[in-house]
């Protein structure tokens, strides 16, 4: 009986130690992403060409090509080419053509905001801070919590 109790305590302590190590990994990633985003802000602020634009939510975007048709609204069906990467360059999303509803249940809040700035035929690059990305909860195992997300989007059509 005592051995079973001791074994349970050791198992419980091991689980606590393991979970705290996982949090430390994510906290390091959070600090690295926050530092990278701050560096991005500083370099963009010093840039006299003003290539990047910033929204009130913290979304940075760069217009590579402007479209010439309608702007999509929340709830619209959009067809786009999308590449998503983390700040270390690792790709988590690379779809040649995808059709999806433009709602926050399918894509991050920051991406909905960014795509609604585009016109059909446009090509933008977006930098989403974690607060308007996936924050601490992600549905993709290759995206750690607190990640700054970079998306390269070509909006082909919206309905």
C-alpha atoms as a PDB file:
ATOM      1  CA  UNK A   1       0.000   0.000   0.000  1.00  0.00           C
ATOM      2  CA  UNK A   2       2.807   2.406   0.885  1.00  0.00           C
ATOM      3  CA  UNK A   3       4.609   1.576  -2.361  1.00  0.00           C
ATOM      4  CA  UNK A   4       1.506   2.363  -4.411  1.00  0.00           C
ATOM      5  CA  UNK A   5       1.170   5.723  -2.636  1.00  0.00           C
ATOM      6  CA  UNK A   6       4.853   6.514  -3.174  1.00  0.00           C
ATOM      7  CA  UNK A   7       4.606   5.518  -6.822  1.00  0.00           C
ATOM      8  CA  UNK A   8       1.568   7.809  -7.250  1.00  0.00           C
ATOM      9  CA  UNK A   9       3.413  10.746  -5.663  1.00  0.00           C
ATOM     10  CA  UNK A  10       6.481  10.203  -7.880  1.00  0.00           C
ATOM     11  CA  UNK A  11       4.279   9.981 -10.967  1.00  0.00           C
ATOM     12  CA  UNK A  12       2.440  13.157  -9.970  1.00  0.00           C
ATOM     13  CA  UNK A  13       5.692  15.083  -9.391  1.00  0.00           C
ATOM     14  CA  UNK A  14       7.097  13.883 -12.719  1.00  0.00           C
ATOM     15  CA  UNK A  15       3.996  15.157 -14.508  1.00  0.00           C
ATOM     16  CA  UNK A  16       4.310  18.568 -12.818  1.00  0.00           C
ATOM     17  CA  UNK A  17       7.999  18.873 -13.678  1.00  0.00           C
ATOM     18  CA  UNK A  18       7.367  17.868 -17.310  1.00  0.00           C
ATOM     19  CA  UNK A  19       4.533  20.369 -17.730  1.00  0.00           C
ATOM     20  CA  UNK A  20       6.606  23.191 -16.226  1.00  0.00           C
ATOM     21  CA  UNK A  21       9.442  22.396 -18.656  1.00  0.00           C
ATOM     22  CA  UNK A  22       6.982  22.660 -21.557  1.00  0.00           C
ATOM     23  CA  UNK A  23       5.816  26.076 -20.317  1.00  0.00           C
ATOM     24  CA  UNK A  24       9.449  27.247 -20.147  1.00  0.00           C
ATOM     25  CA  UNK A  25       9.949  26.227 -23.781  1.00  0.00           C
ATOM     26  CA  UNK A  26       6.899  28.247 -24.804  1.00  0.00           C
ATOM     27  CA  UNK A  27       7.910  31.217 -22.644  1.00  0.00           C
ATOM     28  CA  UNK A  28      11.304  31.291 -24.376  1.00  0.00           C
ATOM     29  CA  UNK A  29       9.493  31.182 -27.724  1.00  0.00           C
ATOM     30  CA  UNK A  30       7.161  33.985 -26.556  1.00  0.00           C
ATOM     31  CA  UNK A  31      10.099  36.183 -25.541  1.00  0.00           C
ATOM     32  CA  UNK A  32      11.860  35.482 -28.837  1.00  0.00           C
ATOM     33  CA  UNK A  33       8.719  36.340 -30.825  1.00  0.00           C
ATOM     34  CA  UNK A  34       8.048  39.496 -28.786  1.00  0.00           C
ATOM     35  CA  UNK A  35      11.645  40.630 -29.298  1.00  0.00           C
ATOM     36  CA  UNK A  36      11.416  39.937 -33.043  1.00  0.00           C
ATOM     37  CA  UNK A  37       8.134  41.861 -33.348  1.00  0.00           C
ATOM     38  CA  UNK A  38       9.611  44.833 -31.445  1.00  0.00           C
ATOM     39  CA  UNK A  39      12.617  44.791 -33.779  1.00  0.00           C
ATOM     40  CA  UNK A  40      10.218  44.765 -36.727  1.00  0.00           C
ATOM     41  CA  UNK A  41       8.386  47.774 -35.271  1.00  0.00           C
ATOM     42  CA  UNK A  42      11.656  49.647 -34.708  1.00  0.00           C
ATOM     43  CA  UNK A  43      12.982  48.976 -38.201  1.00  0.00           C
ATOM     44  CA  UNK A  44       9.678  49.964 -39.811  1.00  0.00           C
ATOM     45  CA  UNK A  45       9.476  53.154 -37.744  1.00  0.00           C
ATOM     46  CA  UNK A  46      12.980  54.160 -38.882  1.00  0.00           C
ATOM     47  CA  UNK A  47      12.196  53.295 -42.519  1.00  0.00           C
ATOM     48  CA  UNK A  48      11.591  56.519 -44.427  1.00  0.00           C
ATOM     49  CA  UNK A  49       9.965  54.744 -47.384  1.00  0.00           C
ATOM     50  CA  UNK A  50       6.994  53.601 -45.264  1.00  0.00           C
ATOM     51  CA  UNK A  51       6.614  50.347 -47.157  1.00  0.00           C
ATOM     52  CA  UNK A  52       4.751  48.718 -44.260  1.00  0.00           C
ATOM     53  CA  UNK A  53       1.453  49.874 -42.817  1.00  0.00           C
ATOM     54  CA  UNK A  54       0.144  49.152 -39.317  1.00  0.00           C
ATOM     55  CA  UNK A  55      -3.437  48.785 -38.142  1.00  0.00           C
ATOM     56  CA  UNK A  56      -4.672  49.608 -34.645  1.00  0.00           C
ATOM     57  CA  UNK A  57      -4.637  45.896 -33.716  1.00  0.00           C
ATOM     58  CA  UNK A  58      -0.887  45.595 -34.409  1.00  0.00           C
ATOM     59  CA  UNK A  59      -1.157  43.958 -37.836  1.00  0.00           C
ATOM     60  CA  UNK A  60       1.659  44.989 -40.167  1.00  0.00           C
ATOM     61  CA  UNK A  61       1.148  44.627 -43.884  1.00  0.00           C
ATOM     62  CA  UNK A  62       3.009  45.354 -47.082  1.00  0.00           C
ATOM     63  CA  UNK A  63       1.270  45.804 -50.430  1.00  0.00           C
ATOM     64  CA  UNK A  64       3.116  43.931 -53.174  1.00  0.00           C
ATOM     65  CA  UNK A  65       0.334  44.228 -55.731  1.00  0.00           C
ATOM     66  CA  UNK A  66      -2.988  45.998 -55.571  1.00  0.00           C
ATOM     67  CA  UNK A  67      -6.104  44.400 -56.941  1.00  0.00           C
ATOM     68  CA  UNK A  68      -8.815  46.187 -58.852  1.00  0.00           C
ATOM     69  CA  UNK A  69     -12.104  44.663 -57.785  1.00  0.00           C
ATOM     70  CA  UNK A  70     -14.234  44.473 -54.659  1.00  0.00           C
ATOM     71  CA  UNK A  71     -13.008  44.191 -51.062  1.00  0.00           C
ATOM     72  CA  UNK A  72     -14.064  41.010 -49.244  1.00  0.00           C
ATOM     73  CA  UNK A  73     -16.178  41.266 -46.100  1.00  0.00           C
ATOM     74  CA  UNK A  74     -16.316  39.026 -43.059  1.00  0.00           C
ATOM     75  CA  UNK A  75     -18.301  35.911 -43.928  1.00  0.00           C
ATOM     76  CA  UNK A  76     -17.378  36.042 -47.626  1.00  0.00           C
ATOM     77  CA  UNK A  77     -16.057  33.016 -49.488  1.00  0.00           C
ATOM     78  CA  UNK A  78     -12.468  33.754 -50.574  1.00  0.00           C
ATOM     79  CA  UNK A  79     -10.128  31.882 -52.893  1.00  0.00           C
ATOM     80  CA  UNK A  80      -6.463  32.620 -52.263  1.00  0.00           C
ATOM     81  CA  UNK A  81      -2.915  31.366 -52.447  1.00  0.00           C
ATOM     82  CA  UNK A  82      -1.457  31.374 -48.982  1.00  0.00           C
ATOM     83  CA  UNK A  83       1.961  30.741 -47.465  1.00  0.00           C
ATOM     84  CA  UNK A  84       2.411  30.977 -43.713  1.00  0.00           C
ATOM     85  CA  UNK A  85       5.769  30.965 -41.922  1.00  0.00           C
ATOM     86  CA  UNK A  86       7.072  31.491 -38.421  1.00  0.00           C
ATOM     87  CA  UNK A  87       9.815  34.001 -37.599  1.00  0.00           C
ATOM     88  CA  UNK A  88      12.441  31.257 -37.839  1.00  0.00           C
ATOM     89  CA  UNK A  89      11.392  30.686 -41.468  1.00  0.00           C
ATOM     90  CA  UNK A  90       9.702  27.327 -40.944  1.00  0.00           C
ATOM     91  CA  UNK A  91       6.527  26.958 -43.020  1.00  0.00           C
ATOM     92  CA  UNK A  92       3.329  25.885 -41.296  1.00  0.00           C
ATOM     93  CA  UNK A  93       0.911  26.611 -44.113  1.00  0.00           C
ATOM     94  CA  UNK A  94       1.535  26.433 -47.858  1.00  0.00           C
ATOM     95  CA  UNK A  95      -1.547  26.085 -49.987  1.00  0.00           C
ATOM     96  CA  UNK A  96      -1.514  26.800 -53.701  1.00  0.00           C
ATOM     97  CA  UNK A  97      -5.221  27.545 -53.848  1.00  0.00           C
ATOM     98  CA  UNK A  98      -7.668  27.440 -50.985  1.00  0.00           C
ATOM     99  CA  UNK A  99     -11.298  28.385 -50.720  1.00  0.00           C
ATOM    100  CA  UNK A 100     -12.505  29.292 -47.256  1.00  0.00           C
ATOM    101  CA  UNK A 101     -15.064  31.421 -45.500  1.00  0.00           C
ATOM    102  CA  UNK A 102     -13.548  34.603 -44.170  1.00  0.00           C
ATOM    103  CA  UNK A 103     -14.469  34.140 -40.527  1.00  0.00           C
ATOM    104  CA  UNK A 104     -12.342  33.837 -37.410  1.00  0.00           C
ATOM    105  CA  UNK A 105     -13.453  30.247 -36.943  1.00  0.00           C
ATOM    106  CA  UNK A 106     -11.409  29.234 -40.008  1.00  0.00           C
ATOM    107  CA  UNK A 107      -8.473  31.661 -40.001  1.00  0.00           C
ATOM    108  CA  UNK A 108      -6.843  33.852 -37.308  1.00  0.00           C
ATOM    109  CA  UNK A 109      -8.496  37.154 -36.445  1.00  0.00           C
ATOM    110  CA  UNK A 110      -5.541  39.136 -37.836  1.00  0.00           C
ATOM    111  CA  UNK A 111      -5.740  37.378 -41.169  1.00  0.00           C
ATOM    112  CA  UNK A 112      -9.462  38.162 -41.481  1.00  0.00           C
ATOM    113  CA  UNK A 113      -8.599  41.805 -40.783  1.00  0.00           C
ATOM    114  CA  UNK A 114      -5.772  41.774 -43.324  1.00  0.00           C
ATOM    115  CA  UNK A 115      -7.691  40.066 -46.123  1.00  0.00           C
ATOM    116  CA  UNK A 116     -10.552  42.544 -45.718  1.00  0.00           C
ATOM    117  CA  UNK A 117      -8.022  45.293 -46.631  1.00  0.00           C
ATOM    118  CA  UNK A 118      -7.262  43.585 -49.945  1.00  0.00           C
ATOM    119  CA  UNK A 119      -9.012  43.691 -53.278  1.00  0.00           C
ATOM    120  CA  UNK A 120      -9.476  40.703 -55.564  1.00  0.00           C
ATOM    121  CA  UNK A 121      -6.197  40.174 -57.423  1.00  0.00           C
ATOM    122  CA  UNK A 122      -4.126  41.765 -54.646  1.00  0.00           C
ATOM    123  CA  UNK A 123      -0.864  40.423 -53.199  1.00  0.00           C
ATOM    124  CA  UNK A 124       0.060  41.330 -49.596  1.00  0.00           C
ATOM    125  CA  UNK A 125       2.427  40.226 -46.852  1.00  0.00           C
ATOM    126  CA  UNK A 126       1.038  40.256 -43.315  1.00  0.00           C
ATOM    127  CA  UNK A 127       2.791  40.048 -39.927  1.00  0.00           C
ATOM    128  CA  UNK A 128       0.392  39.030 -37.175  1.00  0.00           C
ATOM    129  CA  UNK A 129       1.441  39.381 -33.540  1.00  0.00           C
ATOM    130  CA  UNK A 130       0.314  36.464 -31.410  1.00  0.00           C
ATOM    131  CA  UNK A 131      -2.532  38.510 -29.901  1.00  0.00           C
ATOM    132  CA  UNK A 132      -4.354  38.511 -33.266  1.00  0.00           C
ATOM    133  CA  UNK A 133      -2.886  35.207 -34.447  1.00  0.00           C
ATOM    134  CA  UNK A 134      -3.379  31.991 -32.551  1.00  0.00           C
ATOM    135  CA  UNK A 135      -2.114  33.392 -29.207  1.00  0.00           C
ATOM    136  CA  UNK A 136      -1.815  30.428 -26.802  1.00  0.00           C
ATOM    137  CA  UNK A 137      -4.271  28.068 -28.507  1.00  0.00           C
ATOM    138  CA  UNK A 138      -3.440  26.661 -31.919  1.00  0.00           C
ATOM    139  CA  UNK A 139      -5.063  23.999 -34.039  1.00  0.00           C
ATOM    140  CA  UNK A 140      -1.839  23.362 -35.949  1.00  0.00           C
ATOM    141  CA  UNK A 141       0.846  21.369 -34.119  1.00  0.00           C
ATOM    142  CA  UNK A 142       3.626  23.137 -36.044  1.00  0.00           C
ATOM    143  CA  UNK A 143       2.633  26.552 -34.621  1.00  0.00           C
ATOM    144  CA  UNK A 144       3.858  27.038 -31.041  1.00  0.00           C
ATOM    145  CA  UNK A 145       1.850  29.282 -28.706  1.00  0.00           C
ATOM    146  CA  UNK A 146       2.746  33.020 -28.776  1.00  0.00           C
ATOM    147  CA  UNK A 147       3.965  32.880 -32.393  1.00  0.00           C
ATOM    148  CA  UNK A 148       4.258  35.875 -34.689  1.00  0.00           C
ATOM    149  CA  UNK A 149       2.862  34.704 -38.024  1.00  0.00           C
ATOM    150  CA  UNK A 150       3.949  35.863 -41.473  1.00  0.00           C
ATOM    151  CA  UNK A 151       1.496  35.293 -44.310  1.00  0.00           C
ATOM    152  CA  UNK A 152       2.075  35.845 -48.009  1.00  0.00           C
ATOM    153  CA  UNK A 153      -1.408  36.120 -49.541  1.00  0.00           C
ATOM    154  CA  UNK A 154      -2.615  36.391 -53.132  1.00  0.00           C
ATOM    155  CA  UNK A 155      -6.337  36.998 -53.089  1.00  0.00           C
ATOM    156  CA  UNK A 156      -7.700  35.469 -56.273  1.00  0.00           C
ATOM    157  CA  UNK A 157     -11.431  35.945 -55.815  1.00  0.00           C
ATOM    158  CA  UNK A 158     -14.049  36.691 -53.180  1.00  0.00           C
ATOM    159  CA  UNK A 159     -17.805  36.167 -53.252  1.00  0.00           C
END
